[in-house]
Every structure is written in C-alpha cells, then in structure tokens.
Amino acid sequence: MGVCTSCGNDYDKAFEVRLGGHSYTFDCFECAAHALAPTCSNCGLRILGHGVEAQGVMFCSGSCARVQGHSELRDRV
C-alpha cells in the first residue's frame, strides 16, 4: 500500500511517479495531475495537454499566451 502525496489516502493500488529526481506516490491520476501538472501563467488552470511555452513560461493555450503579450504563439498553424 502507498500513501498518496496529494490527499493522504492509503490505497492498495497506489502508483509511483519519478520526476526530476523526486519520487511521488498517488492513488489516482487526478491527484498526480494536481500535484505535478504545470499551471497556466495567465489563467492559473492546470495544463494537462501540451500547452504552449514562451521564454520558459507555460500557458494552457495560444489565447492565454497572447493575453500576456506573446502574439507569436498559436494553438494551431
């Protein structure tokens, strides 16, 4: 059994994620996403897809990137 890093649930089907030299235990993908997914620098939502990046800053979409002045970024070409 493993104790979830996010919610503290002790679960017999917990899984481990290794990222950046650290190890995390989660009881579900929702807790893993909450703990590890980056957040959009404009709207604050968790980025669960590819997102877009400008100068090391992550955004959930080209629309949010443009709000922050990165007019070169698009969701689709």
PDB file of N, CA and C in Angstrom:
ATOM      1  N   MET A   1       0.838  -1.180   0.000  1.00  0.00           N
ATOM      2  CA  MET A   1       0.000   0.000   0.000  1.00  0.00           C
ATOM      3  C   MET A   1       0.882   1.242   0.000  1.00  0.00           C
ATOM      4  N   GLY A   2       0.323   2.309  -0.539  1.00  0.00           N
ATOM      5  CA  GLY A   2       1.048   3.565  -0.576  1.00  0.00           C
ATOM      6  C   GLY A   2       0.160   4.715  -0.164  1.00  0.00           C
ATOM      7  N   VAL A   3       0.751   5.702   0.465  1.00  0.00           N
ATOM      8  CA  VAL A   3       0.024   6.887   0.899  1.00  0.00           C
ATOM      9  C   VAL A   3       0.175   7.974  -0.164  1.00  0.00           C
ATOM     10  N   CYS A   4      -0.948   8.498  -0.630  1.00  0.00           N
ATOM     11  CA  CYS A   4      -0.963   9.494  -1.702  1.00  0.00           C
ATOM     12  C   CYS A   4      -0.298  10.790  -1.243  1.00  0.00           C
ATOM     13  N   THR A   5       0.616  11.274  -2.071  1.00  0.00           N
ATOM     14  CA  THR A   5       1.318  12.528  -1.814  1.00  0.00           C
ATOM     15  C   THR A   5       0.342  13.701  -1.734  1.00  0.00           C
ATOM     16  N   SER A   6      -0.726  13.673  -2.533  1.00  0.00           N
ATOM     17  CA  SER A   6      -1.657  14.799  -2.602  1.00  0.00           C
ATOM     18  C   SER A   6      -2.718  14.782  -1.506  1.00  0.00           C
ATOM     19  N   CYS A   7      -3.395  13.651  -1.356  1.00  0.00           N
ATOM     20  CA  CYS A   7      -4.560  13.623  -0.458  1.00  0.00           C
ATOM     21  C   CYS A   7      -4.359  12.815   0.816  1.00  0.00           C
ATOM     22  N   GLY A   8      -3.277  12.051   0.888  1.00  0.00           N
ATOM     23  CA  GLY A   8      -3.004  11.276   2.095  1.00  0.00           C
ATOM     24  C   GLY A   8      -3.736   9.951   2.184  1.00  0.00           C
ATOM     25  N   ASN A   9      -4.479   9.587   1.146  1.00  0.00           N
ATOM     26  CA  ASN A   9      -5.201   8.321   1.147  1.00  0.00           C
ATOM     27  C   ASN A   9      -4.220   7.153   1.107  1.00  0.00           C
ATOM     28  N   ASP A  10      -4.444   6.172   1.949  1.00  0.00           N
ATOM     29  CA  ASP A  10      -3.638   4.948   1.978  1.00  0.00           C
ATOM     30  C   ASP A  10      -4.357   3.928   1.105  1.00  0.00           C
ATOM     31  N   TYR A  11      -3.781   3.605  -0.054  1.00  0.00           N
ATOM     32  CA  TYR A  11      -4.501   2.846  -1.085  1.00  0.00           C
ATOM     33  C   TYR A  11      -3.646   1.701  -1.586  1.00  0.00           C
ATOM     34  N   ASP A  12      -4.248   0.524  -1.736  1.00  0.00           N
ATOM     35  CA  ASP A  12      -3.501  -0.660  -2.157  1.00  0.00           C
ATOM     36  C   ASP A  12      -3.140  -0.658  -3.639  1.00  0.00           C
ATOM     37  N   LYS A  13      -3.705   0.238  -4.433  1.00  0.00           N
ATOM     38  CA  LYS A  13      -3.387   0.318  -5.864  1.00  0.00           C
ATOM     39  C   LYS A  13      -2.670   1.625  -6.211  1.00  0.00           C
ATOM     40  N   ALA A  14      -2.007   2.201  -5.235  1.00  0.00           N
ATOM     41  CA  ALA A  14      -1.262   3.445  -5.461  1.00  0.00           C
ATOM     42  C   ALA A  14      -0.132   3.192  -6.464  1.00  0.00           C
ATOM     43  N   PHE A  15       0.306   4.244  -7.120  1.00  0.00           N
ATOM     44  CA  PHE A  15       1.405   4.135  -8.083  1.00  0.00           C
ATOM     45  C   PHE A  15       2.434   5.223  -7.798  1.00  0.00           C
ATOM     46  N   GLU A  16       3.625   5.008  -8.311  1.00  0.00           N
ATOM     47  CA  GLU A  16       4.729   5.919  -8.066  1.00  0.00           C
ATOM     48  C   GLU A  16       5.110   6.640  -9.353  1.00  0.00           C
ATOM     49  N   VAL A  17       5.419   7.924  -9.227  1.00  0.00           N
ATOM     50  CA  VAL A  17       5.902   8.734 -10.347  1.00  0.00           C
ATOM     51  C   VAL A  17       7.249   9.310  -9.942  1.00  0.00           C
ATOM     52  N   ARG A  18       8.221   9.177 -10.832  1.00  0.00           N
ATOM     53  CA  ARG A  18       9.538   9.778 -10.608  1.00  0.00           C
ATOM     54  C   ARG A  18       9.691  10.925 -11.604  1.00  0.00           C
ATOM     55  N   LEU A  19      10.026  12.094 -11.061  1.00  0.00           N
ATOM     56  CA  LEU A  19      10.127  13.278 -11.893  1.00  0.00           C
ATOM     57  C   LEU A  19      11.193  14.197 -11.312  1.00  0.00           C
ATOM     58  N   GLY A  20      12.157  14.552 -12.137  1.00  0.00           N
ATOM     59  CA  GLY A  20      13.187  15.484 -11.709  1.00  0.00           C
ATOM     60  C   GLY A  20      13.957  15.046 -10.479  1.00  0.00           C
ATOM     61  N   GLY A  21      14.212  13.738 -10.366  1.00  0.00           N
ATOM     62  CA  GLY A  21      14.970  13.232  -9.231  1.00  0.00           C
ATOM     63  C   GLY A  21      14.158  13.043  -7.962  1.00  0.00           C
ATOM     64  N   HIS A  22      12.855  13.265  -8.037  1.00  0.00           N
ATOM     65  CA  HIS A  22      11.978  13.080  -6.877  1.00  0.00           C
ATOM     66  C   HIS A  22      11.005  11.941  -7.146  1.00  0.00           C
ATOM     67  N   SER A  23      10.537  11.321  -6.093  1.00  0.00           N
ATOM     68  CA  SER A  23       9.574  10.236  -6.194  1.00  0.00           C
ATOM     69  C   SER A  23       8.283  10.639  -5.478  1.00  0.00           C
ATOM     70  N   TYR A  24       7.143  10.389  -6.137  1.00  0.00           N
ATOM     71  CA  TYR A  24       5.839  10.733  -5.588  1.00  0.00           C
ATOM     72  C   TYR A  24       4.946   9.497  -5.640  1.00  0.00           C
ATOM     73  N   THR A  25       4.040   9.365  -4.692  1.00  0.00           N
ATOM     74  CA  THR A  25       3.069   8.279  -4.676  1.00  0.00           C
ATOM     75  C   THR A  25       1.675   8.889  -4.796  1.00  0.00           C
ATOM     76  N   PHE A  26       0.846   8.303  -5.678  1.00  0.00           N
ATOM     77  CA  PHE A  26      -0.509   8.809  -5.884  1.00  0.00           C
ATOM     78  C   PHE A  26      -1.508   7.661  -5.890  1.00  0.00           C
ATOM     79  N   ASP A  27      -2.733   7.973  -5.484  1.00  0.00           N
ATOM     80  CA  ASP A  27      -3.789   6.961  -5.518  1.00  0.00           C
ATOM     81  C   ASP A  27      -4.641   7.073  -6.773  1.00  0.00           C
ATOM     82  N   CYS A  28      -4.492   8.168  -7.552  1.00  0.00           N
ATOM     83  CA  CYS A  28      -5.250   8.334  -8.794  1.00  0.00           C
ATOM     84  C   CYS A  28      -4.556   9.374  -9.671  1.00  0.00           C
ATOM     85  N   PHE A  29      -4.936   9.401 -10.940  1.00  0.00           N
ATOM     86  CA  PHE A  29      -4.351  10.359 -11.871  1.00  0.00           C
ATOM     87  C   PHE A  29      -4.754  11.793 -11.532  1.00  0.00           C
ATOM     88  N   GLU A  30      -5.928  11.976 -10.962  1.00  0.00           N
ATOM     89  CA  GLU A  30      -6.366  13.312 -10.568  1.00  0.00           C
ATOM     90  C   GLU A  30      -5.402  13.929  -9.552  1.00  0.00           C
ATOM     91  N   CYS A  31      -5.008  13.156  -8.551  1.00  0.00           N
ATOM     92  CA  CYS A  31      -4.060  13.653  -7.554  1.00  0.00           C
ATOM     93  C   CYS A  31      -2.688  13.911  -8.177  1.00  0.00           C
ATOM     94  N   ALA A  32      -2.274  13.056  -9.103  1.00  0.00           N
ATOM     95  CA  ALA A  32      -0.990  13.250  -9.774  1.00  0.00           C
ATOM     96  C   ALA A  32      -1.009  14.542 -10.592  1.00  0.00           C
ATOM     97  N   ALA A  33      -2.084  14.777 -11.333  1.00  0.00           N
ATOM     98  CA  ALA A  33      -2.195  15.993 -12.133  1.00  0.00           C
ATOM     99  C   ALA A  33      -2.209  17.225 -11.243  1.00  0.00           C
ATOM    100  N   HIS A  34      -2.919  17.158 -10.146  1.00  0.00           N
ATOM    101  CA  HIS A  34      -2.995  18.295  -9.232  1.00  0.00           C
ATOM    102  C   HIS A  34      -1.616  18.648  -8.671  1.00  0.00           C
ATOM    103  N   ALA A  35      -0.830  17.639  -8.389  1.00  0.00           N
ATOM    104  CA  ALA A  35       0.489  17.864  -7.789  1.00  0.00           C
ATOM    105  C   ALA A  35       1.571  18.211  -8.803  1.00  0.00           C
ATOM    106  N   LEU A  36       1.503  17.645 -10.010  1.00  0.00           N
ATOM    107  CA  LEU A  36       2.634  17.735 -10.931  1.00  0.00           C
ATOM    108  C   LEU A  36       2.409  18.549 -12.191  1.00  0.00           C
ATOM    109  N   ALA A  37       1.168  18.703 -12.626  1.00  0.00           N
ATOM    110  CA  ALA A  37       0.924  19.432 -13.875  1.00  0.00           C
ATOM    111  C   ALA A  37       1.234  20.915 -13.692  1.00  0.00           C
ATOM    112  N   PRO A  38       1.891  21.515 -14.685  1.00  0.00           N
ATOM    113  CA  PRO A  38       2.168  22.958 -14.580  1.00  0.00           C
ATOM    114  C   PRO A  38       0.866  23.755 -14.666  1.00  0.00           C
ATOM    115  N   THR A  39       0.904  24.988 -14.203  1.00  0.00           N
ATOM    116  CA  THR A  39      -0.267  25.856 -14.291  1.00  0.00           C
ATOM    117  C   THR A  39      -0.029  26.938 -15.337  1.00  0.00           C
ATOM    118  N   CYS A  40      -1.105  27.355 -15.966  1.00  0.00           N
ATOM    119  CA  CYS A  40      -1.052  28.420 -16.966  1.00  0.00           C
ATOM    120  C   CYS A  40      -0.688  29.726 -16.265  1.00  0.00           C
ATOM    121  N   SER A  41       0.277  30.422 -16.815  1.00  0.00           N
ATOM    122  CA  SER A  41       0.726  31.679 -16.225  1.00  0.00           C
ATOM    123  C   SER A  41      -0.281  32.806 -16.385  1.00  0.00           C
ATOM    124  N   ASN A  42      -1.296  32.598 -17.210  1.00  0.00           N
ATOM    125  CA  ASN A  42      -2.325  33.619 -17.374  1.00  0.00           C
ATOM    126  C   ASN A  42      -3.573  33.314 -16.552  1.00  0.00           C
ATOM    127  N   CYS A  43      -4.170  32.153 -16.755  1.00  0.00           N
ATOM    128  CA  CYS A  43      -5.461  31.869 -16.112  1.00  0.00           C
ATOM    129  C   CYS A  43      -5.349  30.967 -14.880  1.00  0.00           C
ATOM    130  N   GLY A  44      -4.200  30.325 -14.686  1.00  0.00           N
ATOM    131  CA  GLY A  44      -4.000  29.505 -13.498  1.00  0.00           C
ATOM    132  C   GLY A  44      -4.496  28.076 -13.595  1.00  0.00           C
ATOM    133  N   LEU A  45      -5.082  27.689 -14.730  1.00  0.00           N
ATOM    134  CA  LEU A  45      -5.561  26.313 -14.880  1.00  0.00           C
ATOM    135  C   LEU A  45      -4.393  25.346 -15.011  1.00  0.00           C
ATOM    136  N   ARG A  46      -4.617  24.095 -14.614  1.00  0.00           N
ATOM    137  CA  ARG A  46      -3.609  23.059 -14.788  1.00  0.00           C
ATOM    138  C   ARG A  46      -3.508  22.722 -16.267  1.00  0.00           C
ATOM    139  N   ILE A  47      -2.292  22.562 -16.751  1.00  0.00           N
ATOM    140  CA  ILE A  47      -2.065  22.229 -18.158  1.00  0.00           C
ATOM    141  C   ILE A  47      -1.920  20.717 -18.259  1.00  0.00           C
ATOM    142  N   LEU A  48      -2.952  20.065 -18.775  1.00  0.00           N
ATOM    143  CA  LEU A  48      -2.956  18.606 -18.877  1.00  0.00           C
ATOM    144  C   LEU A  48      -2.574  18.127 -20.274  1.00  0.00           C
ATOM    145  N   GLY A  49      -2.585  19.008 -21.229  1.00  0.00           N
ATOM    146  CA  GLY A  49      -2.172  18.681 -22.590  1.00  0.00           C
ATOM    147  C   GLY A  49      -0.785  19.232 -22.839  1.00  0.00           C
ATOM    148  N   HIS A  50      -0.522  19.555 -24.098  1.00  0.00           N
ATOM    149  CA  HIS A  50       0.791  20.068 -24.466  1.00  0.00           C
ATOM    150  C   HIS A  50       1.023  21.486 -23.972  1.00  0.00           C
ATOM    151  N   GLY A  51       0.000  22.319 -24.020  1.00  0.00           N
ATOM    152  CA  GLY A  51       0.177  23.718 -23.686  1.00  0.00           C
ATOM    153  C   GLY A  51       1.110  24.380 -24.676  1.00  0.00           C
ATOM    154  N   VAL A  52       1.462  25.626 -24.418  1.00  0.00           N
ATOM    155  CA  VAL A  52       2.431  26.354 -25.225  1.00  0.00           C
ATOM    156  C   VAL A  52       3.396  27.054 -24.272  1.00  0.00           C
ATOM    157  N   GLU A  53       4.581  27.340 -24.774  1.00  0.00           N
ATOM    158  CA  GLU A  53       5.609  27.917 -23.922  1.00  0.00           C
ATOM    159  C   GLU A  53       6.306  29.066 -24.640  1.00  0.00           C
ATOM    160  N   ALA A  54       6.567  30.140 -23.909  1.00  0.00           N
ATOM    161  CA  ALA A  54       7.311  31.284 -24.438  1.00  0.00           C
ATOM    162  C   ALA A  54       8.290  31.747 -23.375  1.00  0.00           C
ATOM    163  N   GLN A  55       9.560  31.754 -23.717  1.00  0.00           N
ATOM    164  CA  GLN A  55      10.615  32.221 -22.826  1.00  0.00           C
ATOM    165  C   GLN A  55      10.554  31.538 -21.452  1.00  0.00           C
ATOM    166  N   GLY A  56      10.275  30.228 -21.471  1.00  0.00           N
ATOM    167  CA  GLY A  56      10.240  29.446 -20.240  1.00  0.00           C
ATOM    168  C   GLY A  56       8.961  29.578 -19.434  1.00  0.00           C
ATOM    169  N   VAL A  57       7.967  30.296 -19.958  1.00  0.00           N
ATOM    170  CA  VAL A  57       6.691  30.498 -19.275  1.00  0.00           C
ATOM    171  C   VAL A  57       5.639  29.631 -19.961  1.00  0.00           C
ATOM    172  N   MET A  58       4.865  28.872 -19.169  1.00  0.00           N
ATOM    173  CA  MET A  58       3.862  27.955 -19.714  1.00  0.00           C
ATOM    174  C   MET A  58       2.472  28.588 -19.736  1.00  0.00           C
ATOM    175  N   PHE A  59       1.727  28.274 -20.819  1.00  0.00           N
ATOM    176  CA  PHE A  59       0.354  28.722 -20.976  1.00  0.00           C
ATOM    177  C   PHE A  59      -0.486  27.534 -21.427  1.00  0.00           C
ATOM    178  N   CYS A  60      -1.765  27.533 -21.084  1.00  0.00           N
ATOM    179  CA  CYS A  60      -2.637  26.431 -21.497  1.00  0.00           C
ATOM    180  C   CYS A  60      -2.999  26.521 -22.973  1.00  0.00           C
ATOM    181  N   SER A  61      -2.926  27.725 -23.540  1.00  0.00           N
ATOM    182  CA  SER A  61      -3.335  27.909 -24.932  1.00  0.00           C
ATOM    183  C   SER A  61      -2.646  29.136 -25.529  1.00  0.00           C
ATOM    184  N   GLY A  62      -2.720  29.223 -26.836  1.00  0.00           N
ATOM    185  CA  GLY A  62      -2.214  30.402 -27.518  1.00  0.00           C
ATOM    186  C   GLY A  62      -2.974  31.652 -27.118  1.00  0.00           C
ATOM    187  N   SER A  63      -4.255  31.498 -26.835  1.00  0.00           N
ATOM    188  CA  SER A  63      -5.075  32.634 -26.417  1.00  0.00           C
ATOM    189  C   SER A  63      -4.543  33.239 -25.119  1.00  0.00           C
ATOM    190  N   CYS A  64      -4.247  32.412 -24.137  1.00  0.00           N
ATOM    191  CA  CYS A  64      -3.698  32.915 -22.870  1.00  0.00           C
ATOM    192  C   CYS A  64      -2.310  33.513 -23.079  1.00  0.00           C
ATOM    193  N   ALA A  65      -1.527  32.924 -23.956  1.00  0.00           N
ATOM    194  CA  ALA A  65      -0.194  33.465 -24.241  1.00  0.00           C
ATOM    195  C   ALA A  65      -0.309  34.854 -24.859  1.00  0.00           C
ATOM    196  N   ARG A  66      -1.267  35.038 -25.773  1.00  0.00           N
ATOM    197  CA  ARG A  66      -1.433  36.341 -26.419  1.00  0.00           C
ATOM    198  C   ARG A  66      -1.887  37.403 -25.419  1.00  0.00           C
ATOM    199  N   VAL A  67      -2.707  37.026 -24.446  1.00  0.00           N
ATOM    200  CA  VAL A  67      -3.127  37.971 -23.406  1.00  0.00           C
ATOM    201  C   VAL A  67      -1.905  38.514 -22.671  1.00  0.00           C
ATOM    202  N   GLN A  68      -0.887  37.679 -22.529  1.00  0.00           N
ATOM    203  CA  GLN A  68       0.333  38.071 -21.825  1.00  0.00           C
ATOM    204  C   GLN A  68       1.402  38.646 -22.767  1.00  0.00           C
ATOM    205  N   GLY A  69       1.003  38.957 -24.022  1.00  0.00           N
ATOM    206  CA  GLY A  69       1.896  39.649 -24.940  1.00  0.00           C
ATOM    207  C   GLY A  69       2.731  38.774 -25.856  1.00  0.00           C
ATOM    208  N   HIS A  70       2.449  37.482 -25.909  1.00  0.00           N
ATOM    209  CA  HIS A  70       3.199  36.572 -26.786  1.00  0.00           C
ATOM    210  C   HIS A  70       2.368  36.308 -28.048  1.00  0.00           C
ATOM    211  N   SER A  71       2.318  37.299 -28.907  1.00  0.00           N
ATOM    212  CA  SER A  71       1.448  37.233 -30.090  1.00  0.00           C
ATOM    213  C   SER A  71       1.889  36.188 -31.104  1.00  0.00           C
ATOM    214  N   GLU A  72       3.137  35.718 -31.004  1.00  0.00           N
ATOM    215  CA  GLU A  72       3.652  34.734 -31.960  1.00  0.00           C
ATOM    216  C   GLU A  72       3.117  33.320 -31.711  1.00  0.00           C
ATOM    217  N   LEU A  73       2.566  33.065 -30.531  1.00  0.00           N
ATOM    218  CA  LEU A  73       2.115  31.709 -30.202  1.00  0.00           C
ATOM    219  C   LEU A  73       0.684  31.479 -30.666  1.00  0.00           C
ATOM    220  N   ARG A  74       0.447  30.299 -31.247  1.00  0.00           N
ATOM    221  CA  ARG A  74      -0.862  29.896 -31.746  1.00  0.00           C
ATOM    222  C   ARG A  74      -1.154  28.482 -31.289  1.00  0.00           C
ATOM    223  N   ASP A  75      -2.440  28.154 -31.153  1.00  0.00           N
ATOM    224  CA  ASP A  75      -2.834  26.782 -30.830  1.00  0.00           C
ATOM    225  C   ASP A  75      -2.673  25.873 -32.044  1.00  0.00           C
ATOM    226  N   ARG A  76      -2.938  26.435 -33.231  1.00  0.00           N
ATOM    227  CA  ARG A  76      -2.791  25.686 -34.474  1.00  0.00           C
ATOM    228  C   ARG A  76      -2.168  26.577 -35.523  1.00  0.00           C
ATOM    229  N   VAL A  77      -1.464  25.952 -36.452  1.00  0.00           N
ATOM    230  CA  VAL A  77      -0.861  26.699 -37.551  1.00  0.00           C
ATOM    231  C   VAL A  77      -1.689  26.486 -38.795  1.00  0.00           C
TER     232      VAL A  77
END
